[in-house]
Amino acid sequence: MSADGTWNVSINSPMGKQKGVLDLATEGDKLIGTGKAMGNTMEILDGTVDGDNLTFAMQISRPMQMRMEFQLAITGDQIAGEVKAGMLGKQKVSGERG
């Protein structure tokens, strides 16, 4: 299943459920796009695609500076996995195609 498109996602963080939007596109095994959350737009960094598995990072500035490293898998129109959010550790991510 292609990762291309808009995904509405939520992260179960220590500060409660955080909602965002991923706009993703693939170029071969490279993943590009943006993430939007909490009034910020962040570029996808170091994005790769391996079948239905996506790996990428984003650098956020609010509520604090941190690198977020995602490992997600697509099943149909669902996306799920986890994000390592700096010192906050790993958190569950889920969502669906928008």
C-alpha atoms as a PDB file:
ATOM      1  CA  MET A   1       0.000   0.000   0.000  1.00  0.00           C
ATOM      2  CA  SER A   2       1.343   3.422  -0.889  1.00  0.00           C
ATOM      3  CA  ALA A   3       2.231   5.891   1.854  1.00  0.00           C
ATOM      4  CA  ASP A   4       1.400   8.805  -0.459  1.00  0.00           C
ATOM      5  CA  GLY A   5      -1.324  11.084   0.835  1.00  0.00           C
ATOM      6  CA  THR A   6      -2.583  12.782   3.964  1.00  0.00           C
ATOM      7  CA  TRP A   7      -2.717  10.933   7.282  1.00  0.00           C
ATOM      8  CA  ASN A   8      -4.520  12.112  10.427  1.00  0.00           C
ATOM      9  CA  VAL A   9      -2.494  10.776  13.350  1.00  0.00           C
ATOM     10  CA  SER A  10      -2.433  10.897  17.124  1.00  0.00           C
ATOM     11  CA  ILE A  11       0.399  10.279  19.560  1.00  0.00           C
ATOM     12  CA  ASN A  12      -0.294   9.001  23.065  1.00  0.00           C
ATOM     13  CA  SER A  13       2.147  11.300  24.850  1.00  0.00           C
ATOM     14  CA  PRO A  14       2.754  11.933  28.562  1.00  0.00           C
ATOM     15  CA  MET A  15       0.933  15.255  27.970  1.00  0.00           C
ATOM     16  CA  GLY A  16      -2.167  13.479  26.640  1.00  0.00           C
ATOM     17  CA  LYS A  17      -3.225  12.610  23.096  1.00  0.00           C
ATOM     18  CA  GLN A  18      -1.523  14.887  20.555  1.00  0.00           C
ATOM     19  CA  LYS A  19      -3.114  15.147  17.105  1.00  0.00           C
ATOM     20  CA  GLY A  20      -1.344  15.987  13.876  1.00  0.00           C
ATOM     21  CA  VAL A  21      -1.362  15.565  10.116  1.00  0.00           C
ATOM     22  CA  LEU A  22       1.284  13.902   7.968  1.00  0.00           C
ATOM     23  CA  ASP A  23       1.459  14.778   4.259  1.00  0.00           C
ATOM     24  CA  LEU A  24       3.616  12.044   2.744  1.00  0.00           C
ATOM     25  CA  ALA A  25       5.011  11.199  -0.675  1.00  0.00           C
ATOM     26  CA  THR A  26       7.387   8.502  -1.854  1.00  0.00           C
ATOM     27  CA  GLU A  27      10.208   8.701  -4.372  1.00  0.00           C
ATOM     28  CA  GLY A  28      11.358   5.098  -4.770  1.00  0.00           C
ATOM     29  CA  ASP A  29      12.506   4.046  -1.287  1.00  0.00           C
ATOM     30  CA  LYS A  30      12.678   7.655  -0.052  1.00  0.00           C
ATOM     31  CA  LEU A  31       9.891   9.215   2.055  1.00  0.00           C
ATOM     32  CA  ILE A  32       9.373  12.987   1.865  1.00  0.00           C
ATOM     33  CA  GLY A  33       6.745  15.409   3.105  1.00  0.00           C
ATOM     34  CA  THR A  34       5.689  17.395   6.145  1.00  0.00           C
ATOM     35  CA  GLY A  35       4.101  16.973   9.529  1.00  0.00           C
ATOM     36  CA  LYS A  36       1.765  19.535  11.104  1.00  0.00           C
ATOM     37  CA  ALA A  37       0.952  19.743  14.806  1.00  0.00           C
ATOM     38  CA  MET A  38       0.507  22.370  17.512  1.00  0.00           C
ATOM     39  CA  GLY A  39       0.744  25.207  14.971  1.00  0.00           C
ATOM     40  CA  ASN A  40       4.066  23.958  13.577  1.00  0.00           C
ATOM     41  CA  THR A  41       4.952  22.543  10.150  1.00  0.00           C
ATOM     42  CA  MET A  42       8.008  20.270  10.142  1.00  0.00           C
ATOM     43  CA  GLU A  43       9.851  18.643   7.243  1.00  0.00           C
ATOM     44  CA  ILE A  44      10.240  14.872   7.109  1.00  0.00           C
ATOM     45  CA  LEU A  45      13.923  14.067   7.720  1.00  0.00           C
ATOM     46  CA  ASP A  46      15.828  10.873   6.829  1.00  0.00           C
ATOM     47  CA  GLY A  47      12.645   9.252   5.470  1.00  0.00           C
ATOM     48  CA  THR A  48      12.753   5.722   4.083  1.00  0.00           C
ATOM     49  CA  VAL A  49      10.150   3.271   2.796  1.00  0.00           C
ATOM     50  CA  ASP A  50      10.500  -0.520   2.969  1.00  0.00           C
ATOM     51  CA  GLY A  51       7.281  -2.095   1.678  1.00  0.00           C
ATOM     52  CA  ASP A  52       4.562  -0.937   4.085  1.00  0.00           C
ATOM     53  CA  ASN A  53       7.102   0.202   6.718  1.00  0.00           C
ATOM     54  CA  LEU A  54       8.056   3.859   7.113  1.00  0.00           C
ATOM     55  CA  THR A  55      10.979   5.299   9.065  1.00  0.00           C
ATOM     56  CA  PHE A  56      11.551   9.036   9.414  1.00  0.00           C
ATOM     57  CA  ALA A  57      12.335  11.846  11.829  1.00  0.00           C
ATOM     58  CA  MET A  58      11.094  15.362  12.510  1.00  0.00           C
ATOM     59  CA  GLN A  59      12.656  18.149  14.537  1.00  0.00           C
ATOM     60  CA  ILE A  60      10.120  20.026  16.705  1.00  0.00           C
ATOM     61  CA  SER A  61      10.534  23.297  18.559  1.00  0.00           C
ATOM     62  CA  ARG A  62       7.334  23.341  20.663  1.00  0.00           C
ATOM     63  CA  PRO A  63       6.624  22.570  23.426  1.00  0.00           C
ATOM     64  CA  MET A  64      10.402  21.948  23.547  1.00  0.00           C
ATOM     65  CA  GLN A  65      13.268  21.270  21.131  1.00  0.00           C
ATOM     66  CA  MET A  66      13.441  17.566  20.315  1.00  0.00           C
ATOM     67  CA  ARG A  67      14.040  15.098  17.520  1.00  0.00           C
ATOM     68  CA  MET A  68      11.165  12.678  17.020  1.00  0.00           C
ATOM     69  CA  GLU A  69      12.026   9.343  15.352  1.00  0.00           C
ATOM     70  CA  PHE A  70       9.075   7.450  13.849  1.00  0.00           C
ATOM     71  CA  GLN A  71       8.685   3.779  12.904  1.00  0.00           C
ATOM     72  CA  LEU A  72       5.261   3.238  11.348  1.00  0.00           C
ATOM     73  CA  ALA A  73       3.515   0.572   9.281  1.00  0.00           C
ATOM     74  CA  ILE A  74       0.615   0.945   6.857  1.00  0.00           C
ATOM     75  CA  THR A  75      -2.242  -1.554   6.761  1.00  0.00           C
ATOM     76  CA  GLY A  76      -4.850  -0.498   4.213  1.00  0.00           C
ATOM     77  CA  ASP A  77      -5.953   3.003   5.228  1.00  0.00           C
ATOM     78  CA  GLN A  78      -4.554   2.677   8.774  1.00  0.00           C
ATOM     79  CA  ILE A  79      -1.133   3.688  10.037  1.00  0.00           C
ATOM     80  CA  ALA A  80       0.375   2.645  13.374  1.00  0.00           C
ATOM     81  CA  GLY A  81       3.642   2.270  15.213  1.00  0.00           C
ATOM     82  CA  GLU A  82       5.722   4.278  17.610  1.00  0.00           C
ATOM     83  CA  VAL A  83       7.772   7.405  17.952  1.00  0.00           C
ATOM     84  CA  LYS A  84      10.847   7.931  20.086  1.00  0.00           C
ATOM     85  CA  ALA A  85      10.449  11.468  21.400  1.00  0.00           C
ATOM     86  CA  GLY A  86      13.759  12.491  22.921  1.00  0.00           C
ATOM     87  CA  MET A  87      13.899  12.088  26.691  1.00  0.00           C
ATOM     88  CA  LEU A  88      10.137  11.338  26.748  1.00  0.00           C
ATOM     89  CA  GLY A  89      10.854   7.861  25.343  1.00  0.00           C
ATOM     90  CA  LYS A  90       8.721   5.748  23.033  1.00  0.00           C
ATOM     91  CA  GLN A  91       5.041   6.515  22.473  1.00  0.00           C
ATOM     92  CA  LYS A  92       2.312   4.812  20.437  1.00  0.00           C
ATOM     93  CA  VAL A  93       1.177   6.404  17.167  1.00  0.00           C
ATOM     94  CA  SER A  94      -2.030   5.591  15.281  1.00  0.00           C
ATOM     95  CA  GLY A  95      -4.073   7.145  12.527  1.00  0.00           C
ATOM     96  CA  GLU A  96      -5.864   6.849   9.245  1.00  0.00           C
ATOM     97  CA  ARG A  97      -5.715   8.175   5.723  1.00  0.00           C
ATOM     98  CA  GLY A  98      -7.401  11.597   5.544  1.00  0.00           C
END
